[in-house]
Amino acid sequence: MKPSNPRYRERLLVLVILALILFCPPLLLVIDRLPTLSIGWLPMYLFCSWALIIGLTAWLMEPTTRR
């Protein structure tokens, strides 16, 4: 099934690059070293960024219907 959007491949590539940037080790180390209150920032960052990637993937993969 071919996607109807001509920019489909570009958006998939940007999504992969965004995921690579969000989960690169230098950024994770910076997030892990932030001052903490009760729990560390790393679990919250990982959860939120993973949810963002999943949400963007679902939005991108959902077929569009033209009326």
PDB file of N, CA and C in Angstrom:
ATOM      1  N   MET A   1       0.841  -1.169   0.000  1.00  0.00           N
ATOM      2  CA  MET A   1       0.000   0.000   0.000  1.00  0.00           C
ATOM      3  C   MET A   1       0.891   1.239   0.000  1.00  0.00           C
ATOM      4  N   LYS A   2       0.728   2.056  -0.989  1.00  0.00           N
ATOM      5  CA  LYS A   2       1.527   3.265  -1.123  1.00  0.00           C
ATOM      6  C   LYS A   2       0.849   4.416  -0.385  1.00  0.00           C
ATOM      7  N   PRO A   3       1.611   5.156   0.420  1.00  0.00           N
ATOM      8  CA  PRO A   3       0.999   6.276   1.144  1.00  0.00           C
ATOM      9  C   PRO A   3       0.547   7.367   0.189  1.00  0.00           C
ATOM     10  N   SER A   4      -0.528   8.052   0.559  1.00  0.00           N
ATOM     11  CA  SER A   4      -1.067   9.084  -0.314  1.00  0.00           C
ATOM     12  C   SER A   4      -0.299  10.398  -0.201  1.00  0.00           C
ATOM     13  N   ASN A   5       0.426  10.578   0.887  1.00  0.00           N
ATOM     14  CA  ASN A   5       1.170  11.814   1.089  1.00  0.00           C
ATOM     15  C   ASN A   5       2.538  11.712   0.412  1.00  0.00           C
ATOM     16  N   PRO A   6       2.883  12.651  -0.462  1.00  0.00           N
ATOM     17  CA  PRO A   6       4.180  12.565  -1.150  1.00  0.00           C
ATOM     18  C   PRO A   6       5.375  12.813  -0.217  1.00  0.00           C
ATOM     19  N   ARG A   7       5.158  13.429   0.937  1.00  0.00           N
ATOM     20  CA  ARG A   7       6.254  13.709   1.865  1.00  0.00           C
ATOM     21  C   ARG A   7       6.353  12.661   2.964  1.00  0.00           C
ATOM     22  N   TYR A   8       5.764  11.501   2.754  1.00  0.00           N
ATOM     23  CA  TYR A   8       5.716  10.429   3.737  1.00  0.00           C
ATOM     24  C   TYR A   8       7.114   9.961   4.145  1.00  0.00           C
ATOM     25  N   ARG A   9       7.977   9.731   3.166  1.00  0.00           N
ATOM     26  CA  ARG A   9       9.335   9.260   3.461  1.00  0.00           C
ATOM     27  C   ARG A   9      10.144  10.282   4.239  1.00  0.00           C
ATOM     28  N   GLU A  10      10.003  11.551   3.884  1.00  0.00           N
ATOM     29  CA  GLU A  10      10.734  12.597   4.589  1.00  0.00           C
ATOM     30  C   GLU A  10      10.301  12.677   6.048  1.00  0.00           C
ATOM     31  N   ARG A  11       9.013  12.544   6.285  1.00  0.00           N
ATOM     32  CA  ARG A  11       8.514  12.596   7.661  1.00  0.00           C
ATOM     33  C   ARG A  11       8.988  11.395   8.470  1.00  0.00           C
ATOM     34  N   LEU A  12       9.025  10.218   7.861  1.00  0.00           N
ATOM     35  CA  LEU A  12       9.556   9.045   8.555  1.00  0.00           C
ATOM     36  C   LEU A  12      11.029   9.236   8.897  1.00  0.00           C
ATOM     37  N   LEU A  13      11.785   9.790   7.980  1.00  0.00           N
ATOM     38  CA  LEU A  13      13.199  10.030   8.229  1.00  0.00           C
ATOM     39  C   LEU A  13      13.402  11.036   9.363  1.00  0.00           C
ATOM     40  N   VAL A  14      12.614  12.099   9.385  1.00  0.00           N
ATOM     41  CA  VAL A  14      12.707  13.080  10.460  1.00  0.00           C
ATOM     42  C   VAL A  14      12.328  12.449  11.794  1.00  0.00           C
ATOM     43  N   LEU A  15      11.356  11.556  11.795  1.00  0.00           N
ATOM     44  CA  LEU A  15      10.966  10.873  13.024  1.00  0.00           C
ATOM     45  C   LEU A  15      12.093   9.989  13.559  1.00  0.00           C
ATOM     46  N   VAL A  16      12.775   9.287  12.680  1.00  0.00           N
ATOM     47  CA  VAL A  16      13.903   8.453  13.094  1.00  0.00           C
ATOM     48  C   VAL A  16      15.047   9.318  13.625  1.00  0.00           C
ATOM     49  N   ILE A  17      15.330  10.418  12.965  1.00  0.00           N
ATOM     50  CA  ILE A  17      16.395  11.314  13.425  1.00  0.00           C
ATOM     51  C   ILE A  17      16.035  11.927  14.780  1.00  0.00           C
ATOM     52  N   LEU A  18      14.777  12.298  14.964  1.00  0.00           N
ATOM     53  CA  LEU A  18      14.340  12.830  16.249  1.00  0.00           C
ATOM     54  C   LEU A  18      14.507  11.792  17.362  1.00  0.00           C
ATOM     55  N   ALA A  19      14.159  10.544  17.077  1.00  0.00           N
ATOM     56  CA  ALA A  19      14.326   9.485  18.079  1.00  0.00           C
ATOM     57  C   ALA A  19      15.802   9.266  18.401  1.00  0.00           C
ATOM     58  N   LEU A  20      16.649   9.315  17.397  1.00  0.00           N
ATOM     59  CA  LEU A  20      18.082   9.158  17.646  1.00  0.00           C
ATOM     60  C   LEU A  20      18.638  10.302  18.495  1.00  0.00           C
ATOM     61  N   ILE A  21      18.176  11.507  18.249  1.00  0.00           N
ATOM     62  CA  ILE A  21      18.642  12.646  19.037  1.00  0.00           C
ATOM     63  C   ILE A  21      18.140  12.563  20.470  1.00  0.00           C
ATOM     64  N   LEU A  22      16.867  12.203  20.637  1.00  0.00           N
ATOM     65  CA  LEU A  22      16.300  12.144  21.983  1.00  0.00           C
ATOM     66  C   LEU A  22      16.951  11.077  22.858  1.00  0.00           C
ATOM     67  N   PHE A  23      17.415   9.991  22.241  1.00  0.00           N
ATOM     68  CA  PHE A  23      17.960   8.881  23.017  1.00  0.00           C
ATOM     69  C   PHE A  23      19.470   8.721  22.864  1.00  0.00           C
ATOM     70  N   CYS A  24      20.160   9.767  22.430  1.00  0.00           N
ATOM     71  CA  CYS A  24      21.615   9.670  22.331  1.00  0.00           C
ATOM     72  C   CYS A  24      22.232   9.744  23.729  1.00  0.00           C
ATOM     73  N   PRO A  25      23.296   8.985  23.965  1.00  0.00           N
ATOM     74  CA  PRO A  25      23.885   8.918  25.307  1.00  0.00           C
ATOM     75  C   PRO A  25      24.347  10.253  25.901  1.00  0.00           C
ATOM     76  N   PRO A  26      24.939  11.188  25.142  1.00  0.00           N
ATOM     77  CA  PRO A  26      25.321  12.457  25.784  1.00  0.00           C
ATOM     78  C   PRO A  26      24.126  13.227  26.357  1.00  0.00           C
ATOM     79  N   LEU A  27      23.016  13.229  25.640  1.00  0.00           N
ATOM     80  CA  LEU A  27      21.835  13.921  26.147  1.00  0.00           C
ATOM     81  C   LEU A  27      21.269  13.200  27.370  1.00  0.00           C
ATOM     82  N   LEU A  28      21.283  11.887  27.357  1.00  0.00           N
ATOM     83  CA  LEU A  28      20.808  11.124  28.514  1.00  0.00           C
ATOM     84  C   LEU A  28      21.676  11.374  29.740  1.00  0.00           C
ATOM     85  N   LEU A  29      22.973  11.526  29.537  1.00  0.00           N
ATOM     86  CA  LEU A  29      23.854  11.838  30.667  1.00  0.00           C
ATOM     87  C   LEU A  29      23.568  13.222  31.241  1.00  0.00           C
ATOM     88  N   VAL A  30      23.282  14.190  30.378  1.00  0.00           N
ATOM     89  CA  VAL A  30      22.951  15.535  30.848  1.00  0.00           C
ATOM     90  C   VAL A  30      21.649  15.503  31.646  1.00  0.00           C
ATOM     91  N   ILE A  31      20.653  14.801  31.152  1.00  0.00           N
ATOM     92  CA  ILE A  31      19.372  14.699  31.843  1.00  0.00           C
ATOM     93  C   ILE A  31      19.544  13.976  33.176  1.00  0.00           C
ATOM     94  N   ASP A  32      20.391  12.962  33.207  1.00  0.00           N
ATOM     95  CA  ASP A  32      20.594  12.183  34.422  1.00  0.00           C
ATOM     96  C   ASP A  32      21.298  12.992  35.512  1.00  0.00           C
ATOM     97  N   ARG A  33      22.096  13.975  35.128  1.00  0.00           N
ATOM     98  CA  ARG A  33      22.858  14.758  36.111  1.00  0.00           C
ATOM     99  C   ARG A  33      22.134  16.009  36.599  1.00  0.00           C
ATOM    100  N   LEU A  34      20.909  16.228  36.172  1.00  0.00           N
ATOM    101  CA  LEU A  34      20.149  17.386  36.654  1.00  0.00           C
ATOM    102  C   LEU A  34      19.846  17.223  38.142  1.00  0.00           C
ATOM    103  N   PRO A  35      19.737  18.323  38.873  1.00  0.00           N
ATOM    104  CA  PRO A  35      19.406  18.215  40.303  1.00  0.00           C
ATOM    105  C   PRO A  35      18.041  17.545  40.493  1.00  0.00           C
ATOM    106  N   THR A  36      17.957  16.666  41.468  1.00  0.00           N
ATOM    107  CA  THR A  36      16.729  15.902  41.671  1.00  0.00           C
ATOM    108  C   THR A  36      16.014  16.331  42.933  1.00  0.00           C
ATOM    109  N   LEU A  37      14.725  16.100  42.961  1.00  0.00           N
ATOM    110  CA  LEU A  37      13.938  16.358  44.164  1.00  0.00           C
ATOM    111  C   LEU A  37      13.725  15.039  44.908  1.00  0.00           C
ATOM    112  N   SER A  38      12.845  14.212  44.420  1.00  0.00           N
ATOM    113  CA  SER A  38      12.642  12.919  45.065  1.00  0.00           C
ATOM    114  C   SER A  38      13.035  11.776  44.134  1.00  0.00           C
ATOM    115  N   ILE A  39      12.654  11.878  42.880  1.00  0.00           N
ATOM    116  CA  ILE A  39      13.082  10.880  41.903  1.00  0.00           C
ATOM    117  C   ILE A  39      13.926  11.591  40.852  1.00  0.00           C
ATOM    118  N   GLY A  40      14.687  10.827  40.111  1.00  0.00           N
ATOM    119  CA  GLY A  40      15.535  11.427  39.088  1.00  0.00           C
ATOM    120  C   GLY A  40      14.732  11.912  37.890  1.00  0.00           C
ATOM    121  N   TRP A  41      15.355  12.776  37.114  1.00  0.00           N
ATOM    122  CA  TRP A  41      14.719  13.291  35.902  1.00  0.00           C
ATOM    123  C   TRP A  41      14.764  12.280  34.765  1.00  0.00           C
ATOM    124  N   LEU A  42      15.704  11.351  34.820  1.00  0.00           N
ATOM    125  CA  LEU A  42      15.881  10.415  33.708  1.00  0.00           C
ATOM    126  C   LEU A  42      14.655   9.546  33.452  1.00  0.00           C
ATOM    127  N   PRO A  43      14.030   8.917  34.452  1.00  0.00           N
ATOM    128  CA  PRO A  43      12.836   8.113  34.150  1.00  0.00           C
ATOM    129  C   PRO A  43      11.698   8.925  33.538  1.00  0.00           C
ATOM    130  N   MET A  44      11.500  10.146  34.054  1.00  0.00           N
ATOM    131  CA  MET A  44      10.440  10.984  33.501  1.00  0.00           C
ATOM    132  C   MET A  44      10.764  11.394  32.067  1.00  0.00           C
ATOM    133  N   TYR A  45      12.024  11.741  31.803  1.00  0.00           N
ATOM    134  CA  TYR A  45      12.434  12.117  30.452  1.00  0.00           C
ATOM    135  C   TYR A  45      12.247  10.952  29.481  1.00  0.00           C
ATOM    136  N   LEU A  46      12.697   9.760  29.896  1.00  0.00           N
ATOM    137  CA  LEU A  46      12.566   8.596  29.025  1.00  0.00           C
ATOM    138  C   LEU A  46      11.102   8.276  28.735  1.00  0.00           C
ATOM    139  N   PHE A  47      10.263   8.331  29.762  1.00  0.00           N
ATOM    140  CA  PHE A  47       8.844   8.052  29.566  1.00  0.00           C
ATOM    141  C   PHE A  47       8.202   9.063  28.622  1.00  0.00           C
ATOM    142  N   CYS A  48       8.450  10.342  28.848  1.00  0.00           N
ATOM    143  CA  CYS A  48       7.835  11.383  28.015  1.00  0.00           C
ATOM    144  C   CYS A  48       8.343  11.358  26.579  1.00  0.00           C
ATOM    145  N   SER A  49       9.640  11.164  26.404  1.00  0.00           N
ATOM    146  CA  SER A  49      10.167  11.144  25.036  1.00  0.00           C
ATOM    147  C   SER A  49       9.718   9.890  24.296  1.00  0.00           C
ATOM    148  N   TRP A  50       9.627   8.766  25.000  1.00  0.00           N
ATOM    149  CA  TRP A  50       9.144   7.543  24.356  1.00  0.00           C
ATOM    150  C   TRP A  50       7.665   7.698  23.970  1.00  0.00           C
ATOM    151  N   ALA A  51       6.872   8.313  24.844  1.00  0.00           N
ATOM    152  CA  ALA A  51       5.464   8.555  24.532  1.00  0.00           C
ATOM    153  C   ALA A  51       5.327   9.504  23.337  1.00  0.00           C
ATOM    154  N   LEU A  52       6.199  10.494  23.253  1.00  0.00           N
ATOM    155  CA  LEU A  52       6.179  11.418  22.114  1.00  0.00           C
ATOM    156  C   LEU A  52       6.477  10.687  20.810  1.00  0.00           C
ATOM    157  N   ILE A  53       7.494   9.836  20.826  1.00  0.00           N
ATOM    158  CA  ILE A  53       7.848   9.089  19.609  1.00  0.00           C
ATOM    159  C   ILE A  53       6.720   8.147  19.207  1.00  0.00           C
ATOM    160  N   ILE A  54       6.114   7.462  20.168  1.00  0.00           N
ATOM    161  CA  ILE A  54       5.005   6.557  19.857  1.00  0.00           C
ATOM    162  C   ILE A  54       3.816   7.335  19.317  1.00  0.00           C
ATOM    163  N   GLY A  55       3.502   8.471  19.926  1.00  0.00           N
ATOM    164  CA  GLY A  55       2.389   9.286  19.449  1.00  0.00           C
ATOM    165  C   GLY A  55       2.612   9.827  18.048  1.00  0.00           C
ATOM    166  N   LEU A  56       3.815  10.314  17.785  1.00  0.00           N
ATOM    167  CA  LEU A  56       4.119  10.814  16.437  1.00  0.00           C
ATOM    168  C   LEU A  56       4.104   9.694  15.403  1.00  0.00           C
ATOM    169  N   THR A  57       4.577   8.519  15.790  1.00  0.00           N
ATOM    170  CA  THR A  57       4.546   7.377  14.873  1.00  0.00           C
ATOM    171  C   THR A  57       3.119   6.970  14.555  1.00  0.00           C
ATOM    172  N   ALA A  58       2.265   6.912  15.578  1.00  0.00           N
ATOM    173  CA  ALA A  58       0.862   6.561  15.346  1.00  0.00           C
ATOM    174  C   ALA A  58       0.180   7.593  14.460  1.00  0.00           C
ATOM    175  N   TRP A  59       0.472   8.865  14.702  1.00  0.00           N
ATOM    176  CA  TRP A  59      -0.124   9.918  13.888  1.00  0.00           C
ATOM    177  C   TRP A  59       0.347   9.841  12.439  1.00  0.00           C
ATOM    178  N   LEU A  60       1.627   9.530  12.249  1.00  0.00           N
ATOM    179  CA  LEU A  60       2.181   9.465  10.897  1.00  0.00           C
ATOM    180  C   LEU A  60       1.690   8.234  10.144  1.00  0.00           C
ATOM    181  N   MET A  61       1.565   7.115  10.830  1.00  0.00           N
ATOM    182  CA  MET A  61       1.183   5.876  10.171  1.00  0.00           C
ATOM    183  C   MET A  61      -0.315   5.745   9.915  1.00  0.00           C
ATOM    184  N   GLU A  62      -1.101   6.566  10.577  1.00  0.00           N
ATOM    185  CA  GLU A  62      -2.547   6.483  10.392  1.00  0.00           C
ATOM    186  C   GLU A  62      -2.900   6.915   8.968  1.00  0.00           C
ATOM    187  N   PRO A  63      -3.666   6.092   8.290  1.00  0.00           N
ATOM    188  CA  PRO A  63      -4.010   6.457   6.907  1.00  0.00           C
ATOM    189  C   PRO A  63      -4.949   7.659   6.881  1.00  0.00           C
ATOM    190  N   THR A  64      -4.685   8.534   5.942  1.00  0.00           N
ATOM    191  CA  THR A  64      -5.530   9.712   5.801  1.00  0.00           C
ATOM    192  C   THR A  64      -6.637   9.425   4.786  1.00  0.00           C
ATOM    193  N   THR A  65      -7.809   9.875   5.078  1.00  0.00           N
ATOM    194  CA  THR A  65      -8.930   9.696   4.143  1.00  0.00           C
ATOM    195  C   THR A  65      -9.272  11.052   3.559  1.00  0.00           C
ATOM    196  N   ARG A  66      -9.328  11.107   2.259  1.00  0.00           N
ATOM    197  CA  ARG A  66      -9.667  12.363   1.567  1.00  0.00           C
ATOM    198  C   ARG A  66     -11.127  12.296   1.150  1.00  0.00           C
ATOM    199  N   ARG A  67     -11.809  13.380   1.372  1.00  0.00           N
ATOM    200  CA  ARG A  67     -13.234  13.388   1.028  1.00  0.00           C
ATOM    201  C   ARG A  67     -13.477  14.154  -0.226  1.00  0.00           C
TER     202      ARG A  67
END
